[in-house]
PDB file of N, CA and C in Angstrom:
ATOM      1  N   MET A   1      23.028 -36.784 -12.060  1.00  0.00           N
ATOM      2  CA  MET A   1      23.842 -37.360 -11.349  1.00  0.00           C
ATOM      3  C   MET A   1      23.431 -39.005 -11.554  1.00  0.00           C
ATOM      4  N   GLY A   2      22.023 -39.584 -11.931  1.00  0.00           N
ATOM      5  CA  GLY A   2      21.269 -40.506 -12.399  1.00  0.00           C
ATOM      6  C   GLY A   2      21.856 -41.053 -13.559  1.00  0.00           C
ATOM      7  N   ASP A   3      22.067 -40.250 -14.517  1.00  0.00           N
ATOM      8  CA  ASP A   3      22.497 -40.473 -15.964  1.00  0.00           C
ATOM      9  C   ASP A   3      23.850 -40.673 -15.969  1.00  0.00           C
ATOM     10  N   ALA A   4      25.138 -40.055 -15.293  1.00  0.00           N
ATOM     11  CA  ALA A   4      26.145 -40.894 -15.236  1.00  0.00           C
ATOM     12  C   ALA A   4      26.572 -42.040 -14.599  1.00  0.00           C
ATOM     13  N   LEU A   5      25.632 -42.694 -13.876  1.00  0.00           N
ATOM     14  CA  LEU A   5      26.081 -44.207 -13.519  1.00  0.00           C
ATOM     15  C   LEU A   5      25.050 -45.096 -14.498  1.00  0.00           C
ATOM     16  N   SER A   6      24.235 -44.629 -15.352  1.00  0.00           N
ATOM     17  CA  SER A   6      23.383 -45.532 -15.887  1.00  0.00           C
ATOM     18  C   SER A   6      23.895 -46.338 -16.804  1.00  0.00           C
ATOM     19  N   GLY A   7      24.902 -46.222 -17.069  1.00  0.00           N
ATOM     20  CA  GLY A   7      26.198 -47.185 -17.725  1.00  0.00           C
ATOM     21  C   GLY A   7      26.846 -48.168 -17.162  1.00  0.00           C
ATOM     22  N   PHE A   8      26.724 -48.370 -15.533  1.00  0.00           N
ATOM     23  CA  PHE A   8      27.391 -48.967 -14.799  1.00  0.00           C
ATOM     24  C   PHE A   8      26.461 -50.252 -14.159  1.00  0.00           C
ATOM     25  N   GLN A   9      25.344 -50.077 -14.813  1.00  0.00           N
ATOM     26  CA  GLN A   9      24.160 -50.719 -13.969  1.00  0.00           C
ATOM     27  C   GLN A   9      24.621 -52.144 -14.526  1.00  0.00           C
ATOM     28  N   ARG A  10      24.263 -52.971 -13.649  1.00  0.00           N
ATOM     29  CA  ARG A  10      24.627 -54.570 -14.036  1.00  0.00           C
ATOM     30  C   ARG A  10      23.233 -55.355 -14.688  1.00  0.00           C
ATOM     31  N   LEU A  11      23.083 -56.286 -15.403  1.00  0.00           N
ATOM     32  CA  LEU A  11      22.352 -57.059 -16.236  1.00  0.00           C
ATOM     33  C   LEU A  11      21.380 -57.340 -15.107  1.00  0.00           C
ATOM     34  N   PRO A  12      20.009 -57.305 -15.406  1.00  0.00           N
ATOM     35  CA  PRO A  12      19.392 -58.051 -14.335  1.00  0.00           C
ATOM     36  C   PRO A  12      19.582 -59.512 -14.615  1.00  0.00           C
ATOM     37  N   GLY A  13      20.134 -60.141 -13.461  1.00  0.00           N
ATOM     38  CA  GLY A  13      19.800 -61.999 -13.597  1.00  0.00           C
ATOM     39  C   GLY A  13      21.531 -61.947 -13.265  1.00  0.00           C
ATOM     40  N   ARG A  14      22.208 -61.444 -14.133  1.00  0.00           N
ATOM     41  CA  ARG A  14      23.953 -61.460 -13.584  1.00  0.00           C
ATOM     42  C   ARG A  14      24.619 -61.159 -12.837  1.00  0.00           C
ATOM     43  N   ARG A  15      25.009 -61.441 -12.056  1.00  0.00           N
ATOM     44  CA  ARG A  15      25.828 -61.275 -10.970  1.00  0.00           C
ATOM     45  C   ARG A  15      27.379 -61.275 -11.108  1.00  0.00           C
ATOM     46  N   SER A  16      28.065 -60.306 -10.961  1.00  0.00           N
ATOM     47  CA  SER A  16      29.639 -60.018 -11.441  1.00  0.00           C
ATOM     48  C   SER A  16      29.998 -60.787 -10.141  1.00  0.00           C
ATOM     49  N   ARG A  17      31.161 -61.762 -10.338  1.00  0.00           N
ATOM     50  CA  ARG A  17      32.126 -62.129  -9.423  1.00  0.00           C
ATOM     51  C   ARG A  17      33.286 -62.055  -9.574  1.00  0.00           C
ATOM     52  N   PRO A  18      33.857 -60.879  -9.288  1.00  0.00           N
ATOM     53  CA  PRO A  18      35.189 -60.900 -10.007  1.00  0.00           C
ATOM     54  C   PRO A  18      36.789 -61.599  -9.432  1.00  0.00           C
ATOM     55  N   VAL A  19      36.189 -61.886  -8.109  1.00  0.00           N
ATOM     56  CA  VAL A  19      37.162 -62.890  -7.498  1.00  0.00           C
ATOM     57  C   VAL A  19      37.163 -63.979  -7.960  1.00  0.00           C
ATOM     58  N   THR A  20      36.088 -64.418  -8.184  1.00  0.00           N
ATOM     59  CA  THR A  20      35.548 -65.711  -8.570  1.00  0.00           C
ATOM     60  C   THR A  20      36.668 -65.712 -10.212  1.00  0.00           C
ATOM     61  N   GLN A  21      36.450 -64.861 -10.782  1.00  0.00           N
ATOM     62  CA  GLN A  21      36.814 -64.779 -12.357  1.00  0.00           C
ATOM     63  C   GLN A  21      38.246 -64.396 -11.993  1.00  0.00           C
ATOM     64  N   GLY A  22      38.785 -63.756 -11.545  1.00  0.00           N
ATOM     65  CA  GLY A  22      40.281 -63.434 -11.259  1.00  0.00           C
ATOM     66  C   GLY A  22      40.837 -65.164 -11.010  1.00  0.00           C
ATOM     67  N   LEU A  23      40.630 -65.485 -10.126  1.00  0.00           N
ATOM     68  CA  LEU A  23      41.342 -67.200  -9.690  1.00  0.00           C
ATOM     69  C   LEU A  23      40.806 -67.816 -10.681  1.00  0.00           C
ATOM     70  N   LEU A  24      40.234 -67.899 -11.945  1.00  0.00           N
ATOM     71  CA  LEU A  24      39.919 -68.848 -12.706  1.00  0.00           C
ATOM     72  C   LEU A  24      40.999 -68.362 -13.556  1.00  0.00           C
ATOM     73  N   ALA A  25      41.234 -67.368 -14.315  1.00  0.00           N
ATOM     74  CA  ALA A  25      41.951 -66.870 -15.004  1.00  0.00           C
ATOM     75  C   ALA A  25      43.522 -67.157 -14.271  1.00  0.00           C
ATOM     76  N   MET A  26      43.935 -67.123 -13.135  1.00  0.00           N
ATOM     77  CA  MET A  26      45.140 -67.257 -12.869  1.00  0.00           C
ATOM     78  C   MET A  26      45.221 -68.734 -12.937  1.00  0.00           C
ATOM     79  N   ILE A  27      44.246 -69.567 -12.630  1.00  0.00           N
ATOM     80  CA  ILE A  27      44.652 -70.962 -12.619  1.00  0.00           C
ATOM     81  C   ILE A  27      44.729 -71.101 -13.937  1.00  0.00           C
ATOM     82  N   ALA A  28      43.829 -70.767 -15.085  1.00  0.00           N
ATOM     83  CA  ALA A  28      43.900 -71.035 -16.440  1.00  0.00           C
ATOM     84  C   ALA A  28      45.679 -70.682 -17.202  1.00  0.00           C
ATOM     85  N   ALA A  29      45.859 -69.545 -16.514  1.00  0.00           N
ATOM     86  CA  ALA A  29      47.285 -69.271 -16.957  1.00  0.00           C
ATOM     87  C   ALA A  29      48.180 -70.237 -16.338  1.00  0.00           C
ATOM     88  N   VAL A  30      48.003 -70.906 -15.467  1.00  0.00           N
ATOM     89  CA  VAL A  30      49.213 -71.503 -14.251  1.00  0.00           C
ATOM     90  C   VAL A  30      49.374 -73.083 -15.431  1.00  0.00           C
ATOM     91  N   LEU A  31      48.003 -73.188 -15.569  1.00  0.00           N
ATOM     92  CA  LEU A  31      47.877 -74.669 -16.601  1.00  0.00           C
ATOM     93  C   LEU A  31      48.469 -74.665 -18.146  1.00  0.00           C
ATOM     94  N   ILE A  32      48.438 -73.332 -18.657  1.00  0.00           N
ATOM     95  CA  ILE A  32      48.874 -72.957 -20.079  1.00  0.00           C
ATOM     96  C   ILE A  32      50.113 -73.243 -19.452  1.00  0.00           C
ATOM     97  N   LEU A  33      51.053 -72.258 -19.033  1.00  0.00           N
ATOM     98  CA  LEU A  33      52.364 -72.149 -18.849  1.00  0.00           C
ATOM     99  C   LEU A  33      52.994 -73.234 -18.503  1.00  0.00           C
ATOM    100  N   GLY A  34      52.171 -73.863 -17.642  1.00  0.00           N
ATOM    101  CA  GLY A  34      52.757 -75.715 -17.229  1.00  0.00           C
ATOM    102  C   GLY A  34      53.163 -76.449 -18.387  1.00  0.00           C
ATOM    103  N   CYS A  35      51.706 -76.180 -18.816  1.00  0.00           N
ATOM    104  CA  CYS A  35      51.642 -77.453 -20.140  1.00  0.00           C
ATOM    105  C   CYS A  35      52.591 -77.001 -21.224  1.00  0.00           C
ATOM    106  N   GLY A  36      52.943 -75.305 -21.433  1.00  0.00           N
ATOM    107  CA  GLY A  36      53.714 -74.871 -22.686  1.00  0.00           C
ATOM    108  C   GLY A  36      55.146 -75.487 -22.282  1.00  0.00           C
ATOM    109  N   LEU A  37      55.560 -75.441 -20.612  1.00  0.00           N
ATOM    110  CA  LEU A  37      56.655 -75.435 -20.523  1.00  0.00           C
ATOM    111  C   LEU A  37      57.456 -77.146 -20.680  1.00  0.00           C
ATOM    112  N   LEU A  38      56.409 -77.720 -20.317  1.00  0.00           N
ATOM    113  CA  LEU A  38      56.605 -79.654 -20.129  1.00  0.00           C
ATOM    114  C   LEU A  38      56.196 -79.934 -21.873  1.00  0.00           C
ATOM    115  N   ALA A  39      55.520 -79.254 -22.873  1.00  0.00           N
ATOM    116  CA  ALA A  39      55.643 -79.816 -24.038  1.00  0.00           C
ATOM    117  C   ALA A  39      56.866 -79.196 -23.987  1.00  0.00           C
ATOM    118  N   GLY A  40      57.796 -77.982 -24.485  1.00  0.00           N
ATOM    119  CA  GLY A  40      58.989 -78.043 -24.721  1.00  0.00           C
ATOM    120  C   GLY A  40      59.724 -78.582 -23.828  1.00  0.00           C
ATOM    121  N   ARG A  41      59.619 -79.213 -22.985  1.00  0.00           N
ATOM    122  CA  ARG A  41      60.889 -80.226 -22.547  1.00  0.00           C
ATOM    123  C   ARG A  41      61.012 -81.481 -22.819  1.00  0.00           C
ATOM    124  N   LEU A  42      59.663 -81.683 -23.139  1.00  0.00           N
ATOM    125  CA  LEU A  42      59.181 -82.974 -24.047  1.00  0.00           C
ATOM    126  C   LEU A  42      59.918 -83.093 -25.513  1.00  0.00           C
ATOM    127  N   TRP A  43      59.672 -81.598 -26.015  1.00  0.00           N
ATOM    128  CA  TRP A  43      60.208 -81.225 -27.208  1.00  0.00           C
ATOM    129  C   TRP A  43      61.476 -81.127 -27.938  1.00  0.00           C
ATOM    130  N   ALA A  44      62.271 -80.783 -26.687  1.00  0.00           N
ATOM    131  CA  ALA A  44      63.678 -80.269 -26.626  1.00  0.00           C
ATOM    132  C   ALA A  44      64.081 -82.089 -26.393  1.00  0.00           C
ATOM    133  N   ASP A  45      63.830 -82.968 -25.736  1.00  0.00           N
ATOM    134  CA  ASP A  45      64.635 -84.370 -25.362  1.00  0.00           C
ATOM    135  C   ASP A  45      64.188 -85.095 -26.071  1.00  0.00           C
ATOM    136  N   GLU A  46      63.467 -84.917 -27.012  1.00  0.00           N
ATOM    137  CA  GLU A  46      62.717 -85.937 -28.489  1.00  0.00           C
ATOM    138  C   GLU A  46      64.041 -86.354 -29.160  1.00  0.00           C
ATOM    139  N   ALA A  47      65.149 -85.701 -29.721  1.00  0.00           N
ATOM    140  CA  ALA A  47      66.047 -86.011 -30.719  1.00  0.00           C
ATOM    141  C   ALA A  47      67.283 -85.674 -29.644  1.00  0.00           C
ATOM    142  N   PRO A  48      67.970 -86.414 -28.785  1.00  0.00           N
ATOM    143  CA  PRO A  48      69.469 -86.386 -27.784  1.00  0.00           C
ATOM    144  C   PRO A  48      70.223 -86.421 -28.971  1.00  0.00           C
ATOM    145  N   ALA A  49      71.627 -85.677 -28.976  1.00  0.00           N
ATOM    146  CA  ALA A  49      72.502 -85.535 -29.618  1.00  0.00           C
ATOM    147  C   ALA A  49      73.533 -86.759 -29.144  1.00  0.00           C
ATOM    148  N   PRO A  50      73.920 -87.066 -30.062  1.00  0.00           N
ATOM    149  CA  PRO A  50      74.808 -88.507 -30.651  1.00  0.00           C
ATOM    150  C   PRO A  50      75.956 -88.188 -29.492  1.00  0.00           C
ATOM    151  N   ALA A  51      76.083 -89.201 -28.615  1.00  0.00           N
ATOM    152  CA  ALA A  51      77.258 -89.160 -27.716  1.00  0.00           C
ATOM    153  C   ALA A  51      78.765 -89.137 -28.616  1.00  0.00           C
ATOM    154  N   PRO A  52      79.573 -88.537 -28.497  1.00  0.00           N
ATOM    155  CA  PRO A  52      80.997 -88.915 -29.596  1.00  0.00           C
ATOM    156  C   PRO A  52      81.872 -90.004 -29.113  1.00  0.00           C
ATOM    157  N   ALA A  53      81.976 -90.409 -30.233  1.00  0.00           N
ATOM    158  CA  ALA A  53      83.038 -91.711 -29.799  1.00  0.00           C
ATOM    159  C   ALA A  53      84.516 -91.283 -28.990  1.00  0.00           C
ATOM    160  N   PRO A  54      84.769 -92.330 -28.259  1.00  0.00           N
ATOM    161  CA  PRO A  54      85.769 -92.412 -27.197  1.00  0.00           C
ATOM    162  C   PRO A  54      86.738 -92.143 -28.005  1.00  0.00           C
ATOM    163  N   SER A  55      87.863 -91.593 -27.835  1.00  0.00           N
ATOM    164  CA  SER A  55      88.978 -91.433 -28.671  1.00  0.00           C
ATOM    165  C   SER A  55      90.159 -92.226 -27.823  1.00  0.00           C
ATOM    166  N   PRO A  56      90.990 -92.925 -28.725  1.00  0.00           N
ATOM    167  CA  PRO A  56      92.112 -94.016 -27.758  1.00  0.00           C
ATOM    168  C   PRO A  56      93.049 -92.824 -27.091  1.00  0.00           C
ATOM    169  N   SER A  57      93.378 -93.197 -25.829  1.00  0.00           N
ATOM    170  CA  SER A  57      94.602 -92.465 -24.769  1.00  0.00           C
ATOM    171  C   SER A  57      95.708 -92.861 -25.359  1.00  0.00           C
ATOM    172  N   ARG A  58      96.845 -91.490 -25.663  1.00  0.00           N
ATOM    173  CA  ARG A  58      98.115 -91.660 -25.870  1.00  0.00           C
ATOM    174  C   ARG A  58      98.802 -92.537 -25.322  1.00  0.00           C
ATOM    175  N   SER A  59      98.364 -92.943 -24.084  1.00  0.00           N
ATOM    176  CA  SER A  59      98.832 -93.842 -22.818  1.00  0.00           C
ATOM    177  C   SER A  59      98.950 -95.078 -23.114  1.00  0.00           C
ATOM    178  N   ALA A  60      97.439 -95.426 -24.013  1.00  0.00           N
ATOM    179  CA  ALA A  60      96.923 -96.845 -24.160  1.00  0.00           C
ATOM    180  C   ALA A  60      98.220 -97.070 -25.533  1.00  0.00           C
ATOM    181  N   VAL A  61      98.675 -96.536 -26.270  1.00  0.00           N
ATOM    182  CA  VAL A  61      99.606 -96.441 -27.563  1.00  0.00           C
ATOM    183  C   VAL A  61     100.655 -97.517 -27.390  1.00  0.00           C
TER     184      VAL A  61
END
């Protein structure tokens, strides 16, 4: 039975903190997605389409 668990022993001196790692991963994901959305929005607004010239109305003729 001890042999089956030997692969799951922690390394000496290292403590695993899955909650902290999960929180850091979630914060990193939010930052990456937020920066990507912001960059996409800024990139899309970089070259605005020209406004069409107003056509003369028939009532003014």
